[in-house]
N, C-alpha and C. Protein backbone atom coordinates (compact mmCIF):
# COMPACT_ATOMS: atom_id res chain seq x y z
N MET A 1 0.22 -10.86 -1.13
CA MET A 1 -0.29 -10.76 -2.48
C MET A 1 -1.18 -9.52 -2.64
N GLY A 2 -1.97 -9.22 -1.60
CA GLY A 2 -2.85 -8.06 -1.65
C GLY A 2 -2.09 -6.77 -1.83
N TYR A 3 -0.93 -6.67 -1.17
CA TYR A 3 -0.15 -5.44 -1.26
C TYR A 3 0.56 -5.32 -2.61
N PHE A 4 0.69 -6.43 -3.33
CA PHE A 4 1.25 -6.36 -4.67
C PHE A 4 0.17 -6.05 -5.70
N ILE A 5 -1.07 -6.46 -5.43
CA ILE A 5 -2.18 -6.16 -6.35
C ILE A 5 -2.62 -4.71 -6.19
N ASN A 6 -2.56 -4.19 -4.97
CA ASN A 6 -3.03 -2.83 -4.66
C ASN A 6 -2.47 -1.75 -5.59
N PRO A 7 -1.16 -1.70 -5.87
CA PRO A 7 -0.65 -0.65 -6.75
C PRO A 7 -1.28 -0.69 -8.14
N LEU A 8 -1.56 -1.88 -8.66
CA LEU A 8 -2.17 -1.98 -9.98
C LEU A 8 -3.55 -1.33 -9.99
N ILE A 9 -4.32 -1.56 -8.93
CA ILE A 9 -5.66 -0.98 -8.84
C ILE A 9 -5.57 0.53 -8.66
N ALA A 10 -4.60 0.99 -7.85
CA ALA A 10 -4.41 2.43 -7.66
C ALA A 10 -4.07 3.12 -8.98
N ILE A 11 -3.20 2.50 -9.76
CA ILE A 11 -2.84 3.06 -11.07
C ILE A 11 -4.05 3.09 -11.99
N MET A 12 -4.84 2.02 -11.97
CA MET A 12 -6.04 1.97 -12.80
C MET A 12 -7.01 3.09 -12.42
N LEU A 13 -7.16 3.35 -11.12
CA LEU A 13 -8.04 4.43 -10.68
C LEU A 13 -7.50 5.79 -11.14
N GLY A 14 -6.18 5.96 -11.05
CA GLY A 14 -5.59 7.22 -11.49
C GLY A 14 -5.81 7.48 -12.97
N VAL A 15 -5.68 6.43 -13.78
CA VAL A 15 -5.84 6.56 -15.23
C VAL A 15 -7.31 6.78 -15.61
N THR A 16 -8.22 6.03 -14.98
CA THR A 16 -9.63 6.10 -15.36
C THR A 16 -10.37 7.28 -14.76
N ILE A 17 -10.08 7.61 -13.50
CA ILE A 17 -10.83 8.68 -12.82
C ILE A 17 -10.19 10.05 -13.02
N PHE A 18 -8.88 10.13 -12.87
CA PHE A 18 -8.20 11.42 -12.98
C PHE A 18 -7.59 11.65 -14.37
N LYS A 19 -7.80 10.68 -15.27
CA LYS A 19 -7.30 10.80 -16.64
C LYS A 19 -5.79 11.02 -16.68
N GLU A 20 -5.09 10.36 -15.78
CA GLU A 20 -3.63 10.49 -15.75
C GLU A 20 -3.03 9.75 -16.95
N LYS A 21 -1.97 10.33 -17.49
CA LYS A 21 -1.33 9.75 -18.66
C LYS A 21 -0.11 8.94 -18.25
N LEU A 22 0.05 7.79 -18.88
CA LEU A 22 1.23 6.97 -18.68
C LEU A 22 2.08 6.99 -19.94
N SER A 23 3.38 7.07 -19.76
CA SER A 23 4.28 7.01 -20.90
C SER A 23 4.34 5.58 -21.42
N PRO A 24 4.85 5.37 -22.63
CA PRO A 24 4.98 4.00 -23.15
C PRO A 24 5.78 3.09 -22.22
N ILE A 25 6.84 3.62 -21.63
CA ILE A 25 7.65 2.81 -20.70
C ILE A 25 6.83 2.45 -19.47
N GLN A 26 6.06 3.40 -18.96
CA GLN A 26 5.23 3.14 -17.78
C GLN A 26 4.15 2.12 -18.07
N LYS A 27 3.58 2.18 -19.27
CA LYS A 27 2.56 1.19 -19.66
C LYS A 27 3.18 -0.20 -19.74
N THR A 28 4.39 -0.26 -20.28
CA THR A 28 5.09 -1.54 -20.35
C THR A 28 5.41 -2.06 -18.95
N ALA A 29 5.83 -1.13 -18.08
CA ALA A 29 6.12 -1.51 -16.69
C ALA A 29 4.87 -2.06 -16.01
N LEU A 30 3.75 -1.44 -16.26
CA LEU A 30 2.48 -1.90 -15.70
C LEU A 30 2.16 -3.31 -16.16
N ALA A 31 2.39 -3.58 -17.45
CA ALA A 31 2.13 -4.91 -17.99
C ALA A 31 3.07 -5.95 -17.38
N VAL A 32 4.33 -5.58 -17.17
CA VAL A 32 5.30 -6.50 -16.57
C VAL A 32 4.91 -6.81 -15.12
N ALA A 33 4.51 -5.77 -14.37
CA ALA A 33 4.08 -5.98 -12.99
C ALA A 33 2.84 -6.86 -12.93
N ALA A 34 1.89 -6.60 -13.83
CA ALA A 34 0.67 -7.41 -13.87
C ALA A 34 0.98 -8.86 -14.18
N THR A 35 1.97 -9.10 -15.04
CA THR A 35 2.39 -10.46 -15.35
C THR A 35 2.92 -11.17 -14.11
N GLY A 36 3.73 -10.45 -13.33
CA GLY A 36 4.24 -11.03 -12.09
C GLY A 36 3.13 -11.39 -11.12
N ILE A 37 2.13 -10.51 -11.02
CA ILE A 37 1.00 -10.76 -10.13
C ILE A 37 0.20 -11.97 -10.60
N LEU A 38 -0.04 -12.06 -11.91
CA LEU A 38 -0.81 -13.17 -12.47
C LEU A 38 -0.10 -14.50 -12.22
N ILE A 39 1.23 -14.49 -12.28
CA ILE A 39 1.99 -15.70 -11.99
C ILE A 39 1.79 -16.12 -10.53
N LEU A 40 1.82 -15.13 -9.63
CA LEU A 40 1.59 -15.42 -8.21
C LEU A 40 0.19 -15.99 -7.98
N VAL A 41 -0.80 -15.37 -8.61
CA VAL A 41 -2.19 -15.80 -8.45
C VAL A 41 -2.37 -17.22 -8.99
N ALA A 42 -1.77 -17.50 -10.16
CA ALA A 42 -1.87 -18.83 -10.76
C ALA A 42 -1.22 -19.89 -9.87
N ALA A 43 -0.07 -19.54 -9.29
CA ALA A 43 0.62 -20.48 -8.42
C ALA A 43 -0.14 -20.70 -7.12
N TYR A 44 -0.90 -19.70 -6.70
CA TYR A 44 -1.69 -19.81 -5.46
C TYR A 44 -2.75 -20.90 -5.59
N GLY A 45 -3.30 -21.06 -6.79
CA GLY A 45 -4.20 -22.17 -7.04
C GLY A 45 -5.68 -21.91 -6.82
N LYS A 46 -6.03 -20.78 -6.25
CA LYS A 46 -7.44 -20.45 -6.07
C LYS A 46 -7.59 -18.93 -6.05
N PHE A 47 -8.82 -18.48 -6.23
CA PHE A 47 -9.04 -17.04 -6.33
C PHE A 47 -8.71 -16.35 -5.00
N PRO A 48 -7.82 -15.35 -5.02
CA PRO A 48 -7.37 -14.70 -3.77
C PRO A 48 -8.34 -13.63 -3.28
N TRP A 49 -9.47 -14.04 -2.72
CA TRP A 49 -10.49 -13.09 -2.30
C TRP A 49 -9.97 -12.09 -1.28
N ILE A 50 -9.30 -12.61 -0.25
CA ILE A 50 -8.82 -11.73 0.82
C ILE A 50 -7.82 -10.71 0.28
N SER A 51 -6.91 -11.18 -0.54
CA SER A 51 -5.91 -10.28 -1.14
C SER A 51 -6.57 -9.22 -2.00
N LEU A 52 -7.59 -9.63 -2.76
CA LEU A 52 -8.27 -8.68 -3.65
C LEU A 52 -9.05 -7.64 -2.85
N ILE A 53 -9.71 -8.08 -1.78
CA ILE A 53 -10.45 -7.14 -0.93
C ILE A 53 -9.50 -6.14 -0.29
N LEU A 54 -8.36 -6.63 0.19
CA LEU A 54 -7.35 -5.73 0.77
C LEU A 54 -6.88 -4.72 -0.26
N ALA A 55 -6.57 -5.20 -1.46
CA ALA A 55 -6.04 -4.33 -2.51
C ALA A 55 -7.05 -3.27 -2.92
N VAL A 56 -8.29 -3.67 -3.14
CA VAL A 56 -9.33 -2.74 -3.58
C VAL A 56 -9.63 -1.71 -2.49
N SER A 57 -9.74 -2.17 -1.24
CA SER A 57 -10.10 -1.26 -0.15
C SER A 57 -9.02 -0.20 0.07
N PHE A 58 -7.75 -0.59 0.02
CA PHE A 58 -6.69 0.40 0.26
C PHE A 58 -6.53 1.32 -0.94
N ALA A 59 -6.75 0.81 -2.15
CA ALA A 59 -6.70 1.67 -3.33
C ALA A 59 -7.81 2.71 -3.27
N LEU A 60 -9.00 2.30 -2.85
CA LEU A 60 -10.12 3.25 -2.70
C LEU A 60 -9.84 4.24 -1.58
N TYR A 61 -9.14 3.78 -0.55
CA TYR A 61 -8.75 4.67 0.55
C TYR A 61 -7.86 5.80 0.01
N GLY A 62 -6.90 5.43 -0.83
CA GLY A 62 -6.03 6.44 -1.44
C GLY A 62 -6.80 7.38 -2.33
N LEU A 63 -7.77 6.85 -3.07
CA LEU A 63 -8.61 7.67 -3.93
C LEU A 63 -9.40 8.69 -3.12
N ILE A 64 -10.00 8.23 -2.04
CA ILE A 64 -10.78 9.14 -1.18
C ILE A 64 -9.88 10.21 -0.58
N LYS A 65 -8.68 9.81 -0.15
CA LYS A 65 -7.75 10.78 0.43
C LYS A 65 -7.40 11.87 -0.58
N LYS A 66 -7.32 11.50 -1.84
CA LYS A 66 -6.96 12.47 -2.87
C LYS A 66 -8.12 13.40 -3.19
N ILE A 67 -9.33 12.88 -3.10
CA ILE A 67 -10.51 13.67 -3.48
C ILE A 67 -10.97 14.60 -2.37
N VAL A 68 -11.01 14.08 -1.14
CA VAL A 68 -11.56 14.86 -0.01
C VAL A 68 -10.65 16.05 0.28
N PRO A 69 -11.19 17.28 0.28
CA PRO A 69 -10.38 18.49 0.48
C PRO A 69 -10.10 18.78 1.96
N LEU A 70 -9.41 17.86 2.62
CA LEU A 70 -9.08 18.04 4.03
C LEU A 70 -7.57 17.94 4.22
N ASP A 71 -7.06 18.71 5.18
CA ASP A 71 -5.66 18.58 5.55
C ASP A 71 -5.41 17.16 6.04
N ALA A 72 -4.19 16.66 5.81
CA ALA A 72 -3.87 15.27 6.17
C ALA A 72 -4.11 14.99 7.64
N SER A 73 -3.66 15.88 8.52
CA SER A 73 -3.81 15.67 9.96
C SER A 73 -5.27 15.72 10.39
N VAL A 74 -6.04 16.63 9.76
CA VAL A 74 -7.47 16.74 10.09
C VAL A 74 -8.21 15.48 9.67
N GLY A 75 -7.94 15.01 8.45
CA GLY A 75 -8.60 13.82 7.95
C GLY A 75 -8.30 12.59 8.78
N LEU A 76 -7.02 12.43 9.15
CA LEU A 76 -6.63 11.27 9.96
C LEU A 76 -7.25 11.33 11.35
N THR A 77 -7.32 12.55 11.91
CA THR A 77 -7.95 12.71 13.23
C THR A 77 -9.42 12.32 13.19
N MET A 78 -10.12 12.72 12.13
CA MET A 78 -11.51 12.35 11.98
C MET A 78 -11.68 10.84 11.85
N GLU A 79 -10.78 10.21 11.10
CA GLU A 79 -10.84 8.75 10.96
C GLU A 79 -10.68 8.07 12.32
N MET A 80 -9.71 8.54 13.10
CA MET A 80 -9.46 7.93 14.41
C MET A 80 -10.63 8.15 15.36
N MET A 81 -11.26 9.33 15.27
CA MET A 81 -12.41 9.61 16.13
C MET A 81 -13.58 8.68 15.80
N LEU A 82 -13.73 8.36 14.51
CA LEU A 82 -14.82 7.49 14.08
C LEU A 82 -14.58 6.03 14.43
N THR A 83 -13.32 5.60 14.33
CA THR A 83 -13.02 4.18 14.55
C THR A 83 -12.63 3.84 15.99
N ALA A 84 -12.17 4.84 16.76
CA ALA A 84 -11.70 4.58 18.12
C ALA A 84 -12.76 3.92 19.02
N PRO A 85 -14.02 4.38 19.02
CA PRO A 85 -15.02 3.72 19.88
C PRO A 85 -15.17 2.23 19.60
N PHE A 86 -15.12 1.84 18.31
CA PHE A 86 -15.23 0.43 17.96
C PHE A 86 -14.00 -0.35 18.42
N ALA A 87 -12.82 0.26 18.23
CA ALA A 87 -11.58 -0.40 18.64
C ALA A 87 -11.51 -0.57 20.16
N ILE A 88 -11.86 0.49 20.88
CA ILE A 88 -11.84 0.42 22.35
C ILE A 88 -12.86 -0.60 22.85
N GLY A 89 -14.04 -0.59 22.24
CA GLY A 89 -15.08 -1.56 22.61
C GLY A 89 -14.62 -2.99 22.40
N TYR A 90 -13.95 -3.22 21.28
CA TYR A 90 -13.46 -4.57 20.98
C TYR A 90 -12.39 -4.99 21.98
N ILE A 91 -11.47 -4.08 22.30
CA ILE A 91 -10.40 -4.39 23.26
C ILE A 91 -10.99 -4.72 24.63
N LEU A 92 -11.96 -3.92 25.06
CA LEU A 92 -12.60 -4.17 26.35
C LEU A 92 -13.32 -5.51 26.35
N TRP A 93 -13.95 -5.85 25.22
CA TRP A 93 -14.69 -7.11 25.14
C TRP A 93 -13.77 -8.32 25.22
N ILE A 94 -12.67 -8.31 24.45
CA ILE A 94 -11.78 -9.47 24.48
C ILE A 94 -11.07 -9.58 25.84
N GLN A 95 -10.87 -8.43 26.51
CA GLN A 95 -10.32 -8.50 27.86
C GLN A 95 -11.34 -9.13 28.81
N TYR A 96 -12.60 -8.78 28.60
CA TYR A 96 -13.68 -9.27 29.48
C TYR A 96 -13.85 -10.80 29.34
N VAL A 97 -13.75 -11.30 28.12
CA VAL A 97 -13.94 -12.74 27.90
C VAL A 97 -12.66 -13.53 28.13
N GLY A 98 -11.58 -12.83 28.49
CA GLY A 98 -10.33 -13.51 28.82
C GLY A 98 -9.43 -13.82 27.65
N ALA A 99 -9.71 -13.24 26.48
CA ALA A 99 -8.88 -13.51 25.30
C ALA A 99 -7.88 -12.40 25.03
N GLY A 100 -7.91 -11.34 25.84
CA GLY A 100 -7.01 -10.21 25.61
C GLY A 100 -5.59 -10.49 26.08
N ALA A 101 -4.67 -9.66 25.61
CA ALA A 101 -3.25 -9.84 25.94
C ALA A 101 -2.81 -8.99 27.12
N ILE A 102 -3.54 -7.89 27.38
CA ILE A 102 -3.13 -6.98 28.45
C ILE A 102 -3.18 -7.70 29.80
N GLY A 103 -2.07 -7.62 30.51
CA GLY A 103 -1.98 -8.30 31.81
C GLY A 103 -1.44 -9.70 31.72
N LYS A 104 -1.33 -10.23 30.50
CA LYS A 104 -0.85 -11.60 30.32
C LYS A 104 0.53 -11.66 29.66
N ILE A 105 1.02 -10.52 29.25
CA ILE A 105 2.32 -10.46 28.60
C ILE A 105 3.22 -9.49 29.36
N ASP A 106 4.51 -9.54 29.06
CA ASP A 106 5.46 -8.69 29.78
C ASP A 106 5.26 -7.21 29.43
N LEU A 107 5.84 -6.36 30.26
CA LEU A 107 5.66 -4.92 30.14
C LEU A 107 6.20 -4.38 28.82
N LEU A 108 7.35 -4.90 28.38
CA LEU A 108 7.96 -4.41 27.14
C LEU A 108 7.05 -4.71 25.94
N THR A 109 6.51 -5.93 25.88
CA THR A 109 5.62 -6.29 24.77
C THR A 109 4.35 -5.45 24.81
N THR A 110 3.84 -5.18 26.00
CA THR A 110 2.65 -4.33 26.15
C THR A 110 2.93 -2.93 25.62
N ALA A 111 4.10 -2.39 25.98
CA ALA A 111 4.48 -1.05 25.53
C ALA A 111 4.62 -1.01 24.01
N LEU A 112 5.18 -2.07 23.43
CA LEU A 112 5.34 -2.13 21.98
C LEU A 112 3.98 -2.19 21.29
N LEU A 113 3.04 -2.95 21.88
CA LEU A 113 1.69 -3.02 21.32
C LEU A 113 1.01 -1.66 21.35
N LEU A 114 1.15 -0.96 22.48
CA LEU A 114 0.52 0.35 22.61
C LEU A 114 1.14 1.36 21.65
N SER A 115 2.44 1.25 21.41
CA SER A 115 3.11 2.19 20.51
C SER A 115 2.83 1.89 19.05
N SER A 116 2.23 0.74 18.76
CA SER A 116 1.95 0.40 17.36
C SER A 116 0.97 1.39 16.73
N GLY A 117 0.16 2.06 17.56
CA GLY A 117 -0.75 3.07 17.03
C GLY A 117 0.01 4.22 16.38
N ILE A 118 1.09 4.65 17.03
CA ILE A 118 1.91 5.73 16.48
C ILE A 118 2.60 5.25 15.19
N VAL A 119 3.11 4.03 15.23
CA VAL A 119 3.81 3.47 14.07
C VAL A 119 2.87 3.37 12.87
N THR A 120 1.58 3.19 13.14
CA THR A 120 0.60 3.12 12.07
C THR A 120 0.15 4.51 11.61
N ALA A 121 -0.05 5.41 12.56
CA ALA A 121 -0.59 6.73 12.25
C ALA A 121 0.37 7.58 11.42
N VAL A 122 1.65 7.54 11.73
CA VAL A 122 2.62 8.39 11.03
C VAL A 122 2.69 8.05 9.53
N PRO A 123 2.82 6.77 9.15
CA PRO A 123 2.80 6.46 7.71
C PRO A 123 1.50 6.85 7.02
N LEU A 124 0.37 6.68 7.71
CA LEU A 124 -0.91 7.07 7.11
C LEU A 124 -0.98 8.58 6.89
N LEU A 125 -0.42 9.34 7.83
CA LEU A 125 -0.38 10.79 7.71
C LEU A 125 0.47 11.20 6.50
N LEU A 126 1.62 10.57 6.36
CA LEU A 126 2.51 10.87 5.24
C LEU A 126 1.90 10.39 3.92
N PHE A 127 1.22 9.25 3.96
CA PHE A 127 0.56 8.73 2.76
C PHE A 127 -0.50 9.71 2.26
N THR A 128 -1.30 10.24 3.20
CA THR A 128 -2.35 11.19 2.82
C THR A 128 -1.76 12.44 2.19
N GLU A 129 -0.69 12.95 2.78
CA GLU A 129 -0.06 14.16 2.25
C GLU A 129 0.54 13.88 0.87
N GLY A 130 1.17 12.72 0.73
CA GLY A 130 1.76 12.37 -0.55
C GLY A 130 0.72 12.16 -1.64
N ALA A 131 -0.40 11.54 -1.28
CA ALA A 131 -1.47 11.27 -2.25
C ALA A 131 -2.05 12.56 -2.81
N LYS A 132 -2.07 13.61 -2.00
CA LYS A 132 -2.61 14.89 -2.46
C LYS A 132 -1.63 15.65 -3.34
N ARG A 133 -0.35 15.30 -3.23
CA ARG A 133 0.68 16.09 -3.91
C ARG A 133 1.15 15.50 -5.24
N THR A 134 0.75 14.29 -5.55
CA THR A 134 1.24 13.69 -6.79
C THR A 134 0.16 12.84 -7.43
N ARG A 135 0.46 12.32 -8.59
CA ARG A 135 -0.51 11.51 -9.32
C ARG A 135 -0.78 10.19 -8.60
N LEU A 136 -2.00 9.70 -8.70
CA LEU A 136 -2.37 8.45 -8.05
C LEU A 136 -1.61 7.28 -8.66
N SER A 137 -1.30 7.36 -9.94
CA SER A 137 -0.54 6.29 -10.59
C SER A 137 0.88 6.20 -10.03
N ILE A 138 1.47 7.36 -9.70
CA ILE A 138 2.79 7.38 -9.08
C ILE A 138 2.71 6.80 -7.67
N VAL A 139 1.69 7.24 -6.93
CA VAL A 139 1.47 6.72 -5.57
C VAL A 139 1.34 5.20 -5.61
N GLY A 140 0.61 4.72 -6.62
CA GLY A 140 0.42 3.28 -6.75
C GLY A 140 1.72 2.53 -6.89
N PHE A 141 2.58 2.96 -7.82
CA PHE A 141 3.82 2.24 -8.02
C PHE A 141 4.76 2.36 -6.82
N LEU A 142 4.73 3.49 -6.12
CA LEU A 142 5.56 3.64 -4.93
C LEU A 142 5.16 2.66 -3.83
N GLN A 143 3.92 2.19 -3.91
CA GLN A 143 3.45 1.26 -2.87
C GLN A 143 4.06 -0.13 -3.02
N TYR A 144 4.84 -0.35 -4.07
CA TYR A 144 5.59 -1.60 -4.16
C TYR A 144 6.77 -1.62 -3.20
N ILE A 145 7.13 -0.46 -2.65
CA ILE A 145 8.26 -0.40 -1.73
C ILE A 145 7.98 -1.19 -0.46
N SER A 146 6.77 -1.02 0.10
CA SER A 146 6.43 -1.67 1.37
C SER A 146 6.48 -3.19 1.30
N PRO A 147 5.78 -3.84 0.34
CA PRO A 147 5.88 -5.30 0.29
C PRO A 147 7.28 -5.79 -0.07
N THR A 148 8.04 -4.97 -0.80
CA THR A 148 9.42 -5.36 -1.11
C THR A 148 10.27 -5.39 0.15
N ILE A 149 10.07 -4.41 1.03
CA ILE A 149 10.78 -4.40 2.31
C ILE A 149 10.39 -5.62 3.15
N SER A 150 9.08 -5.94 3.16
CA SER A 150 8.62 -7.13 3.88
C SER A 150 9.26 -8.39 3.29
N PHE A 151 9.38 -8.42 1.97
CA PHE A 151 10.03 -9.54 1.29
C PHE A 151 11.48 -9.68 1.75
N LEU A 152 12.21 -8.55 1.77
CA LEU A 152 13.62 -8.58 2.18
C LEU A 152 13.77 -9.01 3.64
N LEU A 153 12.85 -8.55 4.49
CA LEU A 153 12.88 -8.97 5.90
C LEU A 153 12.65 -10.48 6.01
N GLY A 154 11.71 -10.98 5.21
CA GLY A 154 11.42 -12.42 5.24
C GLY A 154 12.63 -13.24 4.83
N ILE A 155 13.36 -12.76 3.83
CA ILE A 155 14.52 -13.50 3.31
C ILE A 155 15.72 -13.40 4.25
N PHE A 156 16.09 -12.17 4.62
CA PHE A 156 17.35 -11.96 5.32
C PHE A 156 17.24 -11.98 6.85
N VAL A 157 16.06 -11.70 7.38
CA VAL A 157 15.90 -11.70 8.84
C VAL A 157 15.27 -13.00 9.34
N PHE A 158 14.18 -13.42 8.67
CA PHE A 158 13.47 -14.62 9.13
C PHE A 158 13.84 -15.87 8.33
N HIS A 159 14.75 -15.71 7.34
CA HIS A 159 15.30 -16.83 6.58
C HIS A 159 14.22 -17.72 5.96
N GLU A 160 13.21 -17.07 5.38
CA GLU A 160 12.13 -17.80 4.72
C GLU A 160 12.60 -18.27 3.34
N LYS A 161 12.08 -19.40 2.92
CA LYS A 161 12.45 -19.97 1.63
C LYS A 161 11.41 -19.60 0.56
N LEU A 162 11.90 -19.30 -0.63
CA LEU A 162 11.01 -18.95 -1.74
C LEU A 162 11.14 -19.97 -2.85
N SER A 163 10.03 -20.19 -3.52
CA SER A 163 10.04 -21.10 -4.66
C SER A 163 10.53 -20.36 -5.90
N SER A 164 10.79 -21.12 -6.95
CA SER A 164 11.23 -20.50 -8.21
C SER A 164 10.13 -19.60 -8.78
N ILE A 165 8.85 -19.97 -8.55
CA ILE A 165 7.73 -19.15 -9.00
C ILE A 165 7.75 -17.80 -8.30
N ASP A 166 8.03 -17.80 -6.99
CA ASP A 166 8.12 -16.54 -6.24
C ASP A 166 9.20 -15.64 -6.82
N TRP A 167 10.36 -16.22 -7.10
CA TRP A 167 11.46 -15.43 -7.63
C TRP A 167 11.12 -14.84 -8.99
N ILE A 168 10.47 -15.61 -9.83
CA ILE A 168 10.07 -15.11 -11.15
C ILE A 168 9.08 -13.96 -11.01
N SER A 169 8.09 -14.14 -10.13
CA SER A 169 7.06 -13.11 -9.93
C SER A 169 7.66 -11.82 -9.40
N TYR A 170 8.47 -11.94 -8.35
CA TYR A 170 9.06 -10.75 -7.74
C TYR A 170 10.04 -10.07 -8.69
N SER A 171 10.72 -10.85 -9.51
CA SER A 171 11.64 -10.27 -10.49
C SER A 171 10.87 -9.40 -11.50
N CYS A 172 9.67 -9.87 -11.90
CA CYS A 172 8.83 -9.08 -12.81
C CYS A 172 8.44 -7.76 -12.15
N ILE A 173 8.06 -7.83 -10.87
CA ILE A 173 7.60 -6.64 -10.16
C ILE A 173 8.74 -5.65 -9.99
N TRP A 174 9.92 -6.14 -9.58
CA TRP A 174 11.06 -5.23 -9.39
C TRP A 174 11.50 -4.62 -10.71
N THR A 175 11.46 -5.40 -11.77
CA THR A 175 11.80 -4.88 -13.09
C THR A 175 10.84 -3.76 -13.47
N ALA A 176 9.55 -3.97 -13.18
CA ALA A 176 8.54 -2.95 -13.48
C ALA A 176 8.78 -1.67 -12.70
N VAL A 177 9.14 -1.81 -11.44
CA VAL A 177 9.41 -0.63 -10.61
C VAL A 177 10.60 0.16 -11.17
N LEU A 178 11.65 -0.55 -11.57
CA LEU A 178 12.82 0.12 -12.15
C LEU A 178 12.46 0.80 -13.47
N MET A 179 11.64 0.15 -14.27
CA MET A 179 11.20 0.75 -15.53
C MET A 179 10.38 2.01 -15.28
N PHE A 180 9.51 1.95 -14.27
CA PHE A 180 8.67 3.11 -13.95
C PHE A 180 9.53 4.28 -13.50
N ALA A 181 10.54 3.98 -12.67
CA ALA A 181 11.45 5.04 -12.21
C ALA A 181 12.26 5.59 -13.38
N LEU A 182 12.70 4.71 -14.28
CA LEU A 182 13.48 5.14 -15.44
C LEU A 182 12.66 6.04 -16.34
N ALA A 183 11.36 5.74 -16.45
CA ALA A 183 10.49 6.57 -17.29
C ALA A 183 10.43 8.00 -16.76
N GLY A 184 10.46 8.15 -15.44
CA GLY A 184 10.43 9.49 -14.84
C GLY A 184 11.69 10.29 -15.15
N ILE A 185 12.80 9.55 -15.35
CA ILE A 185 14.07 10.23 -15.64
C ILE A 185 14.15 10.58 -17.13
N LEU A 186 13.75 9.63 -17.97
CA LEU A 186 13.85 9.84 -19.42
C LEU A 186 12.75 10.72 -19.97
N GLN A 187 11.59 10.70 -19.30
CA GLN A 187 10.45 11.49 -19.76
C GLN A 187 9.92 12.32 -18.58
N PRO A 188 10.56 13.45 -18.29
CA PRO A 188 10.24 14.26 -17.10
C PRO A 188 8.77 14.67 -16.99
N LYS A 189 8.08 14.80 -18.11
CA LYS A 189 6.69 15.26 -18.03
C LYS A 189 5.80 14.21 -17.36
N PHE A 190 6.29 12.95 -17.27
CA PHE A 190 5.52 11.91 -16.61
C PHE A 190 6.00 11.68 -15.18
N ALA A 191 7.00 12.45 -14.74
CA ALA A 191 7.52 12.30 -13.38
C ALA A 191 6.64 13.05 -12.39
N PRO A 192 6.64 12.63 -11.10
CA PRO A 192 5.80 13.31 -10.11
C PRO A 192 6.17 14.76 -9.89
N SER A 193 7.44 15.15 -10.15
CA SER A 193 7.86 16.52 -9.93
C SER A 193 7.21 17.49 -10.90
N ALA A 194 6.60 16.94 -11.95
CA ALA A 194 5.96 17.80 -12.95
C ALA A 194 4.61 18.31 -12.48
N TYR A 195 4.18 17.89 -11.28
CA TYR A 195 2.87 18.25 -10.78
C TYR A 195 2.99 19.00 -9.48
N LYS A 196 2.19 19.98 -9.33
CA LYS A 196 2.23 20.82 -8.15
C LYS A 196 1.39 20.21 -7.02
N PRO A 197 1.68 20.58 -5.75
CA PRO A 197 0.85 20.09 -4.66
C PRO A 197 -0.60 20.42 -4.90
N GLY A 198 -1.45 19.44 -4.57
CA GLY A 198 -2.87 19.66 -4.76
C GLY A 198 -3.34 19.25 -6.14
N TYR A 199 -2.43 18.61 -6.91
CA TYR A 199 -2.75 18.16 -8.25
C TYR A 199 -3.96 17.25 -8.22
N LYS A 200 -4.89 17.45 -9.15
CA LYS A 200 -6.10 16.64 -9.21
C LYS A 200 -6.19 15.83 -10.50
N LYS A 201 -5.69 16.39 -11.60
CA LYS A 201 -5.82 15.70 -12.87
C LYS A 201 -4.45 15.40 -13.46
């Protein structure tokens, strides 16, 4: 749910902070996506604090990436240098108290865990570069791709069952994404290609 709320907040930041303009179709798409999210939240039955914190924090992360005048690789390297001591300390601690996985799992799983850093770093590097090159509202809507892929994996790989409410909500979101893409075709001035790398407003 957090990854579906995140694009809405990113778009809101783009419109309010960078004064980005949305076409009528894009505004309608935003309303349709928001409707899908509200249906999910209502079906959840309680306020989704964790989802909201995730959504707000990652949207602010994208905002900072767009504002800070650093090369993508330099910025990501600085982030890793700041967070690595805490991560290493935590790993050493859980190993010390006997809750760690290293040494308790097979070699292949250990190798996959260690390689997860690369799998995480590469998308973040590309995200940073993309955020600097296009409007934040466009970046926001593109972020519906990731949870949609997770959705498809859940359905076709892990054979998870969805309720009718889930189908209605996701249908709203996918319809909104298609509308947003259509707006870029029908109204080129609102498409990401209309903006040069380093675009700020």
